[in-house]
Amino acid sequence: MAGYREHISVSGLCGAGYGIAATLLFGFTPEQGLLAAILCWMSGMLPDIDSQTGKPVQKIFGILAAIVPMMMMERFREITENREQIILLAICTYTAVRYGLSHILGRLSIHRGMFHSIPALFIAAELVMLVYRSDDLAVKGLMGAAVALGFLSHLLLDELYSVQFTGTRLKLNKAAGSALKFVGKSYYPNIFTYTVLMFLTYVSLVQFGVIEGPEKMPHSFRQAVESLPMRK
C-alpha cells in the first residue's frame, strides 16, 4: 500500500497539471485553476479518512474542517445576513467536521472499505459540485472533476503498490483489488453507499438541468396528458 507522502506527492502533481491545463487550455481564470489544483491535491488523501489512527488522518480532517466552512460561506449568507450568526455557523460546521464526522467514520468504517471505491469517488466529486457556490456550471464541474482526479490517483496508486516484483514474476498481495472496486464485502455498507450515490446523482442532474426537478414534474405531466389525442 502506498504511503501518505506518496499519495500527496502524486495528487499534487496531478493537481498542478490539471490547474495549468484548466487555465491555459480551457479558459478558466488563474484563481479557478489554482483552487482546482488544491482540491485535486487534497482529495488525494480523502480515501484514507476511513483509517482510524495516525497523524495523516488528523491532518485530513483538519484540512477538511477548514475548507468546508469556506465553501459553505455563500450558503450561510443565504440563511442569514447577520455577521455573528455566519461566524457561529462556520464554527459549528468546523466542529462538526473535525470532531463529529471523524468520530462517526472512525466508529462505522473499516480501512479499505467502501471509502476506497469508485462509488465513493463519484460521491466526493458530486458533493463538491453541489456545495461549491457558482452560477457557472462549468466552474462547478471543474471543481468536481478535480476532486475525482485526486481521488482516482489515490486508488490507482494503492493498486500499483499491490503489485510485487519477485525476480521475473509479478505477484499480487492481499490488498490487490481492494481500492478500484465497485462493491465491498459487506452488504449494508454497499447499500448505504449506493443510496447516497443515487441521491447525489439525482440532485446533481437536476442542478445541471439534465432532468427536471420535482417542482416542475406535475406541470410537465399535465402538459403530456393534454397533448394526448382524445376521442370525441
C-alpha atoms as a PDB file:
ATOM      1  CA  MET A   1       0.000   0.000   0.000  1.00  0.00           C
ATOM      2  CA  ALA A   2       1.274   3.466  -0.892  1.00  0.00           C
ATOM      3  CA  GLY A   3       2.140   5.748   2.000  1.00  0.00           C
ATOM      4  CA  TYR A   4       0.902   9.201   2.931  1.00  0.00           C
ATOM      5  CA  ARG A   5       3.801  11.031   1.274  1.00  0.00           C
ATOM      6  CA  GLU A   6       3.418   9.121  -1.981  1.00  0.00           C
ATOM      7  CA  HIS A   7      -0.276   9.960  -2.143  1.00  0.00           C
ATOM      8  CA  ILE A   8       0.109  13.686  -1.537  1.00  0.00           C
ATOM      9  CA  SER A   9       3.032  13.868  -3.978  1.00  0.00           C
ATOM     10  CA  VAL A  10       1.157  12.168  -6.815  1.00  0.00           C
ATOM     11  CA  SER A  11      -2.100  14.039  -6.231  1.00  0.00           C
ATOM     12  CA  GLY A  12      -0.114  17.283  -6.022  1.00  0.00           C
ATOM     13  CA  LEU A  13       1.468  16.634  -9.418  1.00  0.00           C
ATOM     14  CA  CYS A  14      -1.927  15.741 -10.865  1.00  0.00           C
ATOM     15  CA  GLY A  15      -3.400  18.905  -9.388  1.00  0.00           C
ATOM     16  CA  ALA A  16      -0.641  21.090 -10.826  1.00  0.00           C
ATOM     17  CA  GLY A  17      -1.140  19.653 -14.304  1.00  0.00           C
ATOM     18  CA  TYR A  18      -4.910  19.897 -14.001  1.00  0.00           C
ATOM     19  CA  GLY A  19      -4.874  23.515 -12.844  1.00  0.00           C
ATOM     20  CA  ILE A  20      -2.447  24.587 -15.575  1.00  0.00           C
ATOM     21  CA  ALA A  21      -4.496  22.829 -18.256  1.00  0.00           C
ATOM     22  CA  ALA A  22      -7.731  24.377 -16.965  1.00  0.00           C
ATOM     23  CA  THR A  23      -6.224  27.870 -17.177  1.00  0.00           C
ATOM     24  CA  LEU A  24      -4.201  27.660 -20.389  1.00  0.00           C
ATOM     25  CA  LEU A  25      -6.318  25.279 -22.465  1.00  0.00           C
ATOM     26  CA  PHE A  26      -9.893  25.737 -21.265  1.00  0.00           C
ATOM     27  CA  GLY A  27     -10.051  29.430 -20.426  1.00  0.00           C
ATOM     28  CA  PHE A  28     -10.664  29.292 -16.682  1.00  0.00           C
ATOM     29  CA  THR A  29      -9.200  32.072 -14.561  1.00  0.00           C
ATOM     30  CA  PRO A  30      -5.844  31.524 -12.801  1.00  0.00           C
ATOM     31  CA  GLU A  31      -7.652  31.658  -9.457  1.00  0.00           C
ATOM     32  CA  GLN A  32     -10.081  28.945 -10.526  1.00  0.00           C
ATOM     33  CA  GLY A  33      -7.229  26.832 -11.874  1.00  0.00           C
ATOM     34  CA  LEU A  34      -5.275  27.219  -8.627  1.00  0.00           C
ATOM     35  CA  LEU A  35      -8.284  26.309  -6.492  1.00  0.00           C
ATOM     36  CA  ALA A  36      -8.955  23.251  -8.656  1.00  0.00           C
ATOM     37  CA  ALA A  37      -5.306  22.219  -8.264  1.00  0.00           C
ATOM     38  CA  ILE A  38      -5.550  22.497  -4.469  1.00  0.00           C
ATOM     39  CA  LEU A  39      -8.779  20.481  -4.393  1.00  0.00           C
ATOM     40  CA  CYS A  40      -7.151  17.774  -6.505  1.00  0.00           C
ATOM     41  CA  TRP A  41      -4.148  17.680  -4.177  1.00  0.00           C
ATOM     42  CA  MET A  42      -6.333  17.486  -1.072  1.00  0.00           C
ATOM     43  CA  SER A  43      -8.641  14.811  -2.478  1.00  0.00           C
ATOM     44  CA  GLY A  44      -5.642  12.563  -2.987  1.00  0.00           C
ATOM     45  CA  MET A  45      -5.861  11.981   0.766  1.00  0.00           C
ATOM     46  CA  LEU A  46      -9.634  11.532   1.002  1.00  0.00           C
ATOM     47  CA  PRO A  47      -9.876   7.717   0.714  1.00  0.00           C
ATOM     48  CA  ASP A  48      -7.755   7.364   3.851  1.00  0.00           C
ATOM     49  CA  ILE A  49     -10.302   9.103   6.080  1.00  0.00           C
ATOM     50  CA  ASP A  50     -11.523   5.607   6.964  1.00  0.00           C
ATOM     51  CA  SER A  51      -8.199   4.933   8.678  1.00  0.00           C
ATOM     52  CA  GLN A  52      -8.843   5.170  12.399  1.00  0.00           C
ATOM     53  CA  THR A  53      -5.370   6.121  13.618  1.00  0.00           C
ATOM     54  CA  GLY A  54      -2.344   8.159  12.653  1.00  0.00           C
ATOM     55  CA  LYS A  55      -1.382  11.784  12.081  1.00  0.00           C
ATOM     56  CA  PRO A  56      -2.260  11.725   8.339  1.00  0.00           C
ATOM     57  CA  VAL A  57      -5.908  11.141   9.220  1.00  0.00           C
ATOM     58  CA  GLN A  58      -5.842  14.010  11.713  1.00  0.00           C
ATOM     59  CA  LYS A  59      -4.345  16.262   9.050  1.00  0.00           C
ATOM     60  CA  ILE A  60      -7.002  15.230   6.536  1.00  0.00           C
ATOM     61  CA  PHE A  61      -9.853  16.090   8.891  1.00  0.00           C
ATOM     62  CA  GLY A  62      -8.120  19.300   9.942  1.00  0.00           C
ATOM     63  CA  ILE A  63      -7.886  20.443   6.318  1.00  0.00           C
ATOM     64  CA  LEU A  64     -11.442  19.336   5.531  1.00  0.00           C
ATOM     65  CA  ALA A  65     -12.789  21.123   8.587  1.00  0.00           C
ATOM     66  CA  ALA A  66     -11.083  24.343   7.481  1.00  0.00           C
ATOM     67  CA  ILE A  67     -12.138  24.134   3.829  1.00  0.00           C
ATOM     68  CA  VAL A  68     -15.801  23.126   4.227  1.00  0.00           C
ATOM     69  CA  PRO A  69     -16.914  26.289   6.115  1.00  0.00           C
ATOM     70  CA  MET A  70     -15.223  28.471   3.487  1.00  0.00           C
ATOM     71  CA  MET A  71     -17.018  26.635   0.685  1.00  0.00           C
ATOM     72  CA  MET A  72     -20.300  26.975   2.592  1.00  0.00           C
ATOM     73  CA  MET A  73     -19.942  30.722   3.218  1.00  0.00           C
ATOM     74  CA  GLU A  74     -22.290  31.742   0.390  1.00  0.00           C
ATOM     75  CA  ARG A  75     -24.848  29.242   1.668  1.00  0.00           C
ATOM     76  CA  PHE A  76     -24.565  30.768   5.138  1.00  0.00           C
ATOM     77  CA  ARG A  77     -25.240  34.223   3.683  1.00  0.00           C
ATOM     78  CA  GLU A  78     -28.428  32.874   2.148  1.00  0.00           C
ATOM     79  CA  ILE A  79     -29.553  31.717   5.591  1.00  0.00           C
ATOM     80  CA  THR A  80     -28.745  34.931   7.441  1.00  0.00           C
ATOM     81  CA  GLU A  81     -27.104  38.298   6.828  1.00  0.00           C
ATOM     82  CA  ASN A  82     -26.057  38.685  10.461  1.00  0.00           C
ATOM     83  CA  ARG A  83     -22.248  38.567  10.644  1.00  0.00           C
ATOM     84  CA  GLU A  84     -22.114  36.983  14.087  1.00  0.00           C
ATOM     85  CA  GLN A  85     -24.551  34.257  13.080  1.00  0.00           C
ATOM     86  CA  ILE A  86     -22.480  33.499   9.972  1.00  0.00           C
ATOM     87  CA  ILE A  87     -19.353  33.169  12.134  1.00  0.00           C
ATOM     88  CA  LEU A  88     -21.201  30.855  14.527  1.00  0.00           C
ATOM     89  CA  LEU A  89     -22.403  28.708  11.611  1.00  0.00           C
ATOM     90  CA  ALA A  90     -18.829  28.457  10.338  1.00  0.00           C
ATOM     91  CA  ILE A  91     -17.556  27.446  13.788  1.00  0.00           C
ATOM     92  CA  CYS A  92     -20.302  24.836  14.165  1.00  0.00           C
ATOM     93  CA  THR A  93     -19.504  23.429  10.720  1.00  0.00           C
ATOM     94  CA  TYR A  94     -15.795  23.229  11.550  1.00  0.00           C
ATOM     95  CA  THR A  95     -16.514  21.442  14.832  1.00  0.00           C
ATOM     96  CA  ALA A  96     -18.973  19.038  13.204  1.00  0.00           C
ATOM     97  CA  VAL A  97     -16.479  18.021  10.512  1.00  0.00           C
ATOM     98  CA  ARG A  98     -13.325  17.997  12.650  1.00  0.00           C
ATOM     99  CA  TYR A  99     -14.716  16.073  15.600  1.00  0.00           C
ATOM    100  CA  GLY A 100     -18.217  14.800  14.834  1.00  0.00           C
ATOM    101  CA  LEU A 101     -17.636  13.400  11.358  1.00  0.00           C
ATOM    102  CA  SER A 102     -14.232  11.957  12.229  1.00  0.00           C
ATOM    103  CA  HIS A 103     -15.699  10.183  15.270  1.00  0.00           C
ATOM    104  CA  ILE A 104     -18.640   8.752  13.309  1.00  0.00           C
ATOM    105  CA  LEU A 105     -16.448   7.497  10.482  1.00  0.00           C
ATOM    106  CA  GLY A 106     -14.000   6.013  12.959  1.00  0.00           C
ATOM    107  CA  ARG A 107     -16.809   4.041  14.594  1.00  0.00           C
ATOM    108  CA  LEU A 108     -18.643   2.910  11.462  1.00  0.00           C
ATOM    109  CA  SER A 109     -15.988   2.411   8.800  1.00  0.00           C
ATOM    110  CA  ILE A 110     -13.136  -0.006   8.226  1.00  0.00           C
ATOM    111  CA  HIS A 111      -9.915   0.734   6.385  1.00  0.00           C
ATOM    112  CA  ARG A 112     -10.023  -0.226   2.715  1.00  0.00           C
ATOM    113  CA  GLY A 113     -13.809  -0.441   2.913  1.00  0.00           C
ATOM    114  CA  MET A 114     -16.198   1.423   0.616  1.00  0.00           C
ATOM    115  CA  PHE A 115     -14.262   4.673   1.022  1.00  0.00           C
ATOM    116  CA  HIS A 116     -11.698   3.017  -1.220  1.00  0.00           C
ATOM    117  CA  SER A 117     -14.078   2.532  -4.149  1.00  0.00           C
ATOM    118  CA  ILE A 118     -15.298   4.025  -7.406  1.00  0.00           C
ATOM    119  CA  PRO A 119     -18.744   4.925  -5.956  1.00  0.00           C
ATOM    120  CA  ALA A 120     -17.020   6.893  -3.175  1.00  0.00           C
ATOM    121  CA  LEU A 121     -15.076   8.770  -5.854  1.00  0.00           C
ATOM    122  CA  PHE A 122     -18.305   9.931  -7.503  1.00  0.00           C
ATOM    123  CA  ILE A 123     -19.860  10.798  -4.139  1.00  0.00           C
ATOM    124  CA  ALA A 124     -16.923  13.049  -3.242  1.00  0.00           C
ATOM    125  CA  ALA A 125     -16.976  14.762  -6.644  1.00  0.00           C
ATOM    126  CA  GLU A 126     -20.733  15.337  -6.587  1.00  0.00           C
ATOM    127  CA  LEU A 127     -20.660  16.703  -3.047  1.00  0.00           C
ATOM    128  CA  VAL A 128     -18.108  19.313  -4.074  1.00  0.00           C
ATOM    129  CA  MET A 129     -20.109  20.272  -7.170  1.00  0.00           C
ATOM    130  CA  LEU A 130     -23.250  20.708  -5.086  1.00  0.00           C
ATOM    131  CA  VAL A 131     -21.602  22.616  -2.244  1.00  0.00           C
ATOM    132  CA  TYR A 132     -19.422  24.861  -4.416  1.00  0.00           C
ATOM    133  CA  ARG A 133     -21.269  28.131  -4.955  1.00  0.00           C
ATOM    134  CA  SER A 134     -21.097  29.414  -8.535  1.00  0.00           C
ATOM    135  CA  ASP A 135     -23.577  30.449 -11.199  1.00  0.00           C
ATOM    136  CA  ASP A 136     -21.261  28.968 -13.833  1.00  0.00           C
ATOM    137  CA  LEU A 137     -21.919  25.232 -14.095  1.00  0.00           C
ATOM    138  CA  ALA A 138     -18.595  24.763 -15.903  1.00  0.00           C
ATOM    139  CA  VAL A 139     -16.751  26.015 -12.819  1.00  0.00           C
ATOM    140  CA  LYS A 140     -18.716  23.657 -10.576  1.00  0.00           C
ATOM    141  CA  GLY A 141     -17.832  20.812 -12.941  1.00  0.00           C
ATOM    142  CA  LEU A 142     -14.176  21.880 -12.896  1.00  0.00           C
ATOM    143  CA  MET A 143     -14.029  21.602  -9.110  1.00  0.00           C
ATOM    144  CA  GLY A 144     -15.871  18.292  -9.010  1.00  0.00           C
ATOM    145  CA  ALA A 145     -13.611  16.785 -11.664  1.00  0.00           C
ATOM    146  CA  ALA A 146     -10.553  17.984  -9.724  1.00  0.00           C
ATOM    147  CA  VAL A 147     -11.714  16.051  -6.671  1.00  0.00           C
ATOM    148  CA  ALA A 148     -12.420  12.988  -8.805  1.00  0.00           C
ATOM    149  CA  LEU A 149      -8.913  13.132 -10.314  1.00  0.00           C
ATOM    150  CA  GLY A 150      -7.184  13.398  -6.950  1.00  0.00           C
ATOM    151  CA  PHE A 151      -9.346  10.624  -5.508  1.00  0.00           C
ATOM    152  CA  LEU A 152      -8.592   8.409  -8.505  1.00  0.00           C
ATOM    153  CA  SER A 153      -4.848   8.997  -8.159  1.00  0.00           C
ATOM    154  CA  HIS A 154      -5.047   7.573  -4.632  1.00  0.00           C
ATOM    155  CA  LEU A 155      -6.935   4.459  -5.741  1.00  0.00           C
ATOM    156  CA  LEU A 156      -4.618   3.830  -8.694  1.00  0.00           C
ATOM    157  CA  LEU A 157      -1.511   4.258  -6.557  1.00  0.00           C
ATOM    158  CA  ASP A 158      -2.823   1.770  -3.997  1.00  0.00           C
ATOM    159  CA  GLU A 159      -3.436  -0.773  -6.756  1.00  0.00           C
ATOM    160  CA  LEU A 160       0.028  -0.213  -8.233  1.00  0.00           C
ATOM    161  CA  TYR A 161       1.614  -0.806  -4.836  1.00  0.00           C
ATOM    162  CA  SER A 162      -0.282  -4.085  -4.531  1.00  0.00           C
ATOM    163  CA  VAL A 163       1.824  -5.500  -7.381  1.00  0.00           C
ATOM    164  CA  GLN A 164       5.075  -7.042  -6.185  1.00  0.00           C
ATOM    165  CA  PHE A 165       8.031  -7.921  -8.381  1.00  0.00           C
ATOM    166  CA  THR A 166       9.740 -11.158  -7.355  1.00  0.00           C
ATOM    167  CA  GLY A 167      12.509 -11.792  -9.830  1.00  0.00           C
ATOM    168  CA  THR A 168      10.866 -12.280 -13.201  1.00  0.00           C
ATOM    169  CA  ARG A 169       7.364 -12.805 -11.790  1.00  0.00           C
ATOM    170  CA  LEU A 170       4.593 -10.470 -10.793  1.00  0.00           C
ATOM    171  CA  LYS A 171       2.831 -11.208  -7.548  1.00  0.00           C
ATOM    172  CA  LEU A 172      -0.310  -9.588  -6.159  1.00  0.00           C
ATOM    173  CA  ASN A 173      -0.552  -9.090  -2.421  1.00  0.00           C
ATOM    174  CA  LYS A 174      -3.738  -9.487  -0.404  1.00  0.00           C
ATOM    175  CA  ALA A 175      -4.677  -5.814  -0.871  1.00  0.00           C
ATOM    176  CA  ALA A 176      -4.957  -6.151  -4.658  1.00  0.00           C
ATOM    177  CA  GLY A 177      -8.366  -5.131  -5.949  1.00  0.00           C
ATOM    178  CA  SER A 178      -9.435  -3.505  -2.683  1.00  0.00           C
ATOM    179  CA  ALA A 179      -9.154   0.068  -3.991  1.00  0.00           C
ATOM    180  CA  LEU A 180     -10.551   0.096  -7.536  1.00  0.00           C
ATOM    181  CA  LYS A 181     -13.775  -1.684  -6.673  1.00  0.00           C
ATOM    182  CA  PHE A 182     -17.489  -1.090  -7.137  1.00  0.00           C
ATOM    183  CA  VAL A 183     -18.745  -3.209  -4.235  1.00  0.00           C
ATOM    184  CA  GLY A 184     -17.283  -4.255  -0.921  1.00  0.00           C
ATOM    185  CA  LYS A 185     -17.557  -7.426   1.099  1.00  0.00           C
ATOM    186  CA  SER A 186     -20.212  -6.120   3.497  1.00  0.00           C
ATOM    187  CA  TYR A 187     -23.852  -5.914   2.455  1.00  0.00           C
ATOM    188  CA  TYR A 188     -25.058  -2.855   4.384  1.00  0.00           C
ATOM    189  CA  PRO A 189     -22.151  -0.514   3.508  1.00  0.00           C
ATOM    190  CA  ASN A 190     -22.801  -1.303  -0.156  1.00  0.00           C
ATOM    191  CA  ILE A 191     -26.488  -0.401   0.174  1.00  0.00           C
ATOM    192  CA  PHE A 192     -25.694   2.800   2.064  1.00  0.00           C
ATOM    193  CA  THR A 193     -23.015   3.875  -0.418  1.00  0.00           C
ATOM    194  CA  TYR A 194     -25.177   3.351  -3.478  1.00  0.00           C
ATOM    195  CA  THR A 195     -28.184   5.002  -1.826  1.00  0.00           C
ATOM    196  CA  VAL A 196     -26.113   8.127  -1.170  1.00  0.00           C
ATOM    197  CA  LEU A 197     -24.662   7.967  -4.690  1.00  0.00           C
ATOM    198  CA  MET A 198     -28.073   7.720  -6.349  1.00  0.00           C
ATOM    199  CA  PHE A 199     -29.445  10.609  -4.298  1.00  0.00           C
ATOM    200  CA  LEU A 200     -26.477  12.885  -5.039  1.00  0.00           C
ATOM    201  CA  THR A 201     -26.533  11.920  -8.711  1.00  0.00           C
ATOM    202  CA  TYR A 202     -30.211  12.817  -8.931  1.00  0.00           C
ATOM    203  CA  VAL A 203     -29.666  16.191  -7.234  1.00  0.00           C
ATOM    204  CA  SER A 204     -26.658  16.892  -9.472  1.00  0.00           C
ATOM    205  CA  LEU A 205     -28.603  16.083 -12.634  1.00  0.00           C
ATOM    206  CA  VAL A 206     -31.390  18.411 -11.512  1.00  0.00           C
ATOM    207  CA  GLN A 207     -28.941  21.213 -10.714  1.00  0.00           C
ATOM    208  CA  PHE A 208     -27.206  20.860 -14.089  1.00  0.00           C
ATOM    209  CA  GLY A 209     -30.543  20.890 -15.899  1.00  0.00           C
ATOM    210  CA  VAL A 210     -30.261  17.369 -17.291  1.00  0.00           C
ATOM    211  CA  ILE A 211     -33.562  16.317 -15.712  1.00  0.00           C
ATOM    212  CA  GLU A 212     -36.412  18.311 -14.219  1.00  0.00           C
ATOM    213  CA  GLY A 213     -36.843  18.744 -10.510  1.00  0.00           C
ATOM    214  CA  PRO A 214     -39.947  17.544  -8.629  1.00  0.00           C
ATOM    215  CA  GLU A 215     -41.445  21.053  -8.585  1.00  0.00           C
ATOM    216  CA  LYS A 216     -41.664  21.008 -12.401  1.00  0.00           C
ATOM    217  CA  MET A 217     -42.813  17.431 -12.851  1.00  0.00           C
ATOM    218  CA  PRO A 218     -46.567  17.969 -12.213  1.00  0.00           C
ATOM    219  CA  HIS A 219     -46.677  20.752 -14.814  1.00  0.00           C
ATOM    220  CA  SER A 220     -44.789  18.615 -17.326  1.00  0.00           C
ATOM    221  CA  PHE A 221     -47.071  15.670 -16.609  1.00  0.00           C
ATOM    222  CA  ARG A 222     -50.139  17.834 -17.173  1.00  0.00           C
ATOM    223  CA  GLN A 223     -48.715  19.065 -20.471  1.00  0.00           C
ATOM    224  CA  ALA A 224     -48.037  15.491 -21.552  1.00  0.00           C
ATOM    225  CA  VAL A 225     -51.608  14.442 -20.721  1.00  0.00           C
ATOM    226  CA  GLU A 226     -53.096  17.415 -22.538  1.00  0.00           C
ATOM    227  CA  SER A 227     -51.047  16.618 -25.635  1.00  0.00           C
ATOM    228  CA  LEU A 228     -52.516  13.112 -25.903  1.00  0.00           C
ATOM    229  CA  PRO A 229     -55.088  12.647 -28.706  1.00  0.00           C
ATOM    230  CA  MET A 230     -58.580  12.477 -27.211  1.00  0.00           C
ATOM    231  CA  ARG A 231     -61.547  10.649 -28.658  1.00  0.00           C
ATOM    232  CA  LYS A 232     -64.580  12.706 -29.490  1.00  0.00           C
END
